[in-house]
Amino acid sequence: MPYDLDQYIADCRAILARDPGVKGREEVRAKLEQLLRNPDFIETYCGETVPRGLKVLYEDPELKFQILAHINDKARVSPPHDHDASWAIYGQATKYTDMIEWEREDNGADPKHAKLKPAKKYRLDPGHAGIYQDGTIHSIDYPDYAKFIRVTGTNLDKINRIRVDLKTGEVHQMTPQQAT
């Protein structure tokens, strides 16, 4: 029997209850890759007939993590941003997503400006998942019709996050509406 969403949720709950830290999150990332190998899961939650947009597949009432499906029509390049005290795992369902992790060259001394340089770049292809730990500044770039599953440590609409304008270095607070 193929690994399905219900099994993934149960595994996430068990793993994160046991170890909510870096090692537990890595297990959750690896399990997401297992889930993404299930063609029935991909068809049900990321198939051609699935409505476009962002859909919450699961939000844990105790541990607070979320599992979301991003079903995109249009290409997008996000500005560098963080998830504050939350982590995020992106698992590619279709097409690809180019990921960049950014490093602050200015040690964060000025809360209104940031000087960033790329620290790590990689591409997520279907079936692969990558993780951004708490506070990691990152950006994503995907083409039309890219679809991915995102698992976050909490509902990002409920926390303050920042985004950085690469041209000016200005740091802006993201409002909850921008988190989805």
Protein backbone atom coordinates (compact mmCIF):
# COMPACT_ATOMS: atom_id res chain seq x y z
CA MET A 1 0.00 0.00 0.00
CA PRO A 2 1.49 3.37 -0.99
CA TYR A 3 2.48 5.88 1.67
CA ASP A 4 -0.37 8.41 1.96
CA LEU A 5 -1.23 11.75 3.58
CA ASP A 6 -2.78 10.17 6.67
CA GLN A 7 0.38 8.12 7.27
CA TYR A 8 2.53 11.21 6.70
CA ILE A 9 0.50 13.21 9.23
CA ALA A 10 0.80 10.40 11.80
CA ASP A 11 4.55 10.17 11.20
CA CYS A 12 4.98 13.95 11.48
CA ARG A 13 3.06 13.97 14.77
CA ALA A 14 5.16 11.13 16.20
CA ILE A 15 8.48 12.53 14.96
CA LEU A 16 7.88 16.13 16.06
CA ALA A 17 6.48 15.08 19.44
CA ARG A 18 9.66 13.08 20.02
CA ASP A 19 12.11 15.61 18.51
CA PRO A 20 10.90 19.04 17.33
CA GLY A 21 14.49 20.09 16.59
CA VAL A 22 16.77 19.83 13.58
CA LYS A 23 17.01 16.01 13.55
CA GLY A 24 13.23 15.56 13.81
CA ARG A 25 12.64 18.07 11.04
CA GLU A 26 15.09 16.20 8.82
CA GLU A 27 13.04 13.04 9.39
CA VAL A 28 9.88 14.97 8.41
CA ARG A 29 11.68 16.18 5.26
CA ALA A 30 12.69 12.62 4.32
CA LYS A 31 9.14 11.36 4.93
CA LEU A 32 7.82 14.13 2.65
CA GLU A 33 10.04 12.79 -0.14
CA GLN A 34 8.49 9.37 0.48
CA LEU A 35 5.00 10.89 0.23
CA LEU A 36 5.91 12.68 -3.01
CA ARG A 37 6.74 9.30 -4.60
CA ASN A 38 3.06 8.31 -4.32
CA PRO A 39 1.40 9.13 -7.69
CA ASP A 40 -2.08 8.91 -6.13
CA PHE A 41 -1.13 11.59 -3.58
CA ILE A 42 0.25 13.83 -6.35
CA GLU A 43 -2.90 13.39 -8.46
CA THR A 44 -5.28 13.99 -5.53
CA TYR A 45 -3.59 17.09 -4.10
CA CYS A 46 -1.53 18.47 -7.00
CA GLY A 47 -3.16 17.09 -10.14
CA GLU A 48 -4.44 19.02 -13.13
CA THR A 49 -8.01 19.14 -11.80
CA VAL A 50 -7.03 20.54 -8.39
CA PRO A 51 -8.07 24.20 -8.04
CA ARG A 52 -5.20 26.69 -8.21
CA GLY A 53 -4.00 28.50 -5.11
CA LEU A 54 -2.91 27.62 -1.59
CA LYS A 55 -4.73 24.93 0.36
CA VAL A 56 -4.14 23.86 3.94
CA LEU A 57 -4.11 20.06 3.92
CA TYR A 58 -3.58 19.74 7.67
CA GLU A 59 -2.93 21.89 10.73
CA ASP A 60 -1.98 20.11 13.93
CA PRO A 61 -4.00 21.34 16.92
CA GLU A 62 -1.29 20.42 19.44
CA LEU A 63 2.07 20.66 17.71
CA LYS A 64 0.94 23.56 15.43
CA PHE A 65 2.69 22.40 12.24
CA GLN A 66 0.90 22.85 8.91
CA ILE A 67 0.94 20.94 5.64
CA LEU A 68 -0.02 23.07 2.62
CA ALA A 69 -0.37 22.45 -1.11
CA HIS A 70 0.81 25.27 -3.39
CA ILE A 71 -0.89 24.88 -6.78
CA ASN A 72 0.54 27.69 -8.91
CA ASP A 73 -0.57 29.01 -12.28
CA LYS A 74 2.03 31.72 -12.70
CA ALA A 75 5.77 31.81 -12.25
CA ARG A 76 7.04 33.70 -9.22
CA VAL A 77 10.31 34.87 -7.76
CA SER A 78 9.91 35.66 -4.08
CA PRO A 79 12.00 38.33 -2.41
CA PRO A 80 14.38 37.06 0.24
CA HIS A 81 12.35 36.52 3.40
CA ASP A 82 12.36 34.58 6.63
CA HIS A 83 9.85 32.53 8.56
CA ASP A 84 10.89 34.11 11.87
CA ALA A 85 10.92 31.42 14.57
CA SER A 86 9.41 28.80 12.26
CA TRP A 87 10.99 26.33 9.88
CA ALA A 88 9.72 25.33 6.44
CA ILE A 89 10.13 22.26 4.29
CA TYR A 90 9.36 22.52 0.57
CA GLY A 91 8.65 19.32 -1.35
CA GLN A 92 8.40 19.52 -5.12
CA ALA A 93 5.41 17.84 -6.78
CA THR A 94 5.69 19.15 -10.39
CA LYS A 95 8.09 21.27 -12.42
CA TYR A 96 10.89 22.67 -10.18
CA THR A 97 11.72 25.36 -7.66
CA ASP A 98 15.09 27.11 -7.44
CA MET A 99 16.00 27.77 -3.83
CA ILE A 100 18.46 30.32 -2.45
CA GLU A 101 19.53 30.64 1.16
CA TRP A 102 20.86 34.10 1.95
CA GLU A 103 23.46 35.20 4.46
CA ARG A 104 23.54 38.64 6.03
CA GLU A 105 26.85 40.37 5.40
CA ASP A 106 25.97 43.16 7.82
CA ASN A 107 25.37 40.96 10.93
CA GLY A 108 21.83 42.36 11.29
CA ALA A 109 22.87 45.50 13.13
CA ASP A 110 20.38 47.72 11.29
CA PRO A 111 16.81 46.35 11.56
CA LYS A 112 15.67 48.49 8.59
CA HIS A 113 18.39 47.51 6.11
CA ALA A 114 20.16 44.30 5.20
CA LYS A 115 23.05 43.46 2.95
CA LEU A 116 22.64 39.90 1.69
CA LYS A 117 24.76 37.47 -0.28
CA PRO A 118 23.73 34.04 -1.55
CA ALA A 119 25.00 31.30 0.77
CA LYS A 120 23.50 28.23 -0.91
CA LYS A 121 21.65 27.62 -4.18
CA TYR A 122 19.92 24.47 -5.30
CA ARG A 123 17.00 23.21 -7.40
CA LEU A 124 14.17 21.04 -6.14
CA ASP A 125 12.95 18.63 -8.78
CA PRO A 126 9.81 16.48 -8.39
CA GLY A 127 10.12 14.13 -5.43
CA HIS A 128 12.77 16.18 -3.65
CA ALA A 129 12.36 18.26 -0.49
CA GLY A 130 14.50 20.96 1.08
CA ILE A 131 14.38 22.54 4.51
CA TYR A 132 14.91 26.05 5.85
CA GLN A 133 15.56 26.10 9.57
CA ASP A 134 14.24 28.82 11.92
CA GLY A 135 15.09 32.34 10.80
CA THR A 136 16.86 31.34 7.58
CA ILE A 137 16.51 34.07 4.97
CA HIS A 138 15.61 32.43 1.68
CA SER A 139 13.92 32.97 -1.66
CA ILE A 140 12.20 30.71 -4.13
CA ASP A 141 11.80 30.91 -7.90
CA TYR A 142 9.46 28.64 -9.82
CA PRO A 143 7.97 28.51 -13.35
CA ASP A 144 4.33 28.52 -14.45
CA TYR A 145 2.35 25.53 -13.15
CA ALA A 146 4.90 24.52 -10.51
CA LYS A 147 3.31 22.69 -7.59
CA PHE A 148 4.79 21.90 -4.22
CA ILE A 149 3.92 20.83 -0.70
CA ARG A 150 5.13 23.06 2.14
CA VAL A 151 5.32 21.91 5.75
CA THR A 152 5.82 24.68 8.33
CA GLY A 153 6.43 24.60 12.06
CA THR A 154 3.46 26.88 12.61
CA ASN A 155 0.81 28.85 10.72
CA LEU A 156 2.91 31.57 9.09
CA ASP A 157 -0.12 33.88 8.98
CA LYS A 158 0.18 34.18 12.76
CA ILE A 159 3.82 35.30 13.04
CA ASN A 160 5.81 38.34 12.00
CA ARG A 161 8.28 37.81 9.20
CA ILE A 162 10.58 40.01 7.17
CA ARG A 163 11.31 40.39 3.50
CA VAL A 164 14.31 42.17 2.01
CA ASP A 165 14.36 44.31 -1.13
CA LEU A 166 17.54 43.16 -2.89
CA LYS A 167 17.91 46.43 -4.82
CA THR A 168 17.65 48.81 -1.87
CA GLY A 169 18.42 46.53 1.08
CA GLU A 170 15.27 47.76 2.82
CA VAL A 171 13.79 45.36 5.35
CA HIS A 172 9.98 45.24 5.50
CA GLN A 173 7.66 43.42 7.86
CA MET A 174 5.44 40.96 6.03
CA THR A 175 1.83 41.14 7.07
CA PRO A 176 -0.06 37.92 7.74
CA GLN A 177 -1.95 38.25 4.45
CA GLN A 178 1.38 38.06 2.62
CA ALA A 179 2.28 34.76 4.28
CA THR A 180 -0.17 32.88 2.07
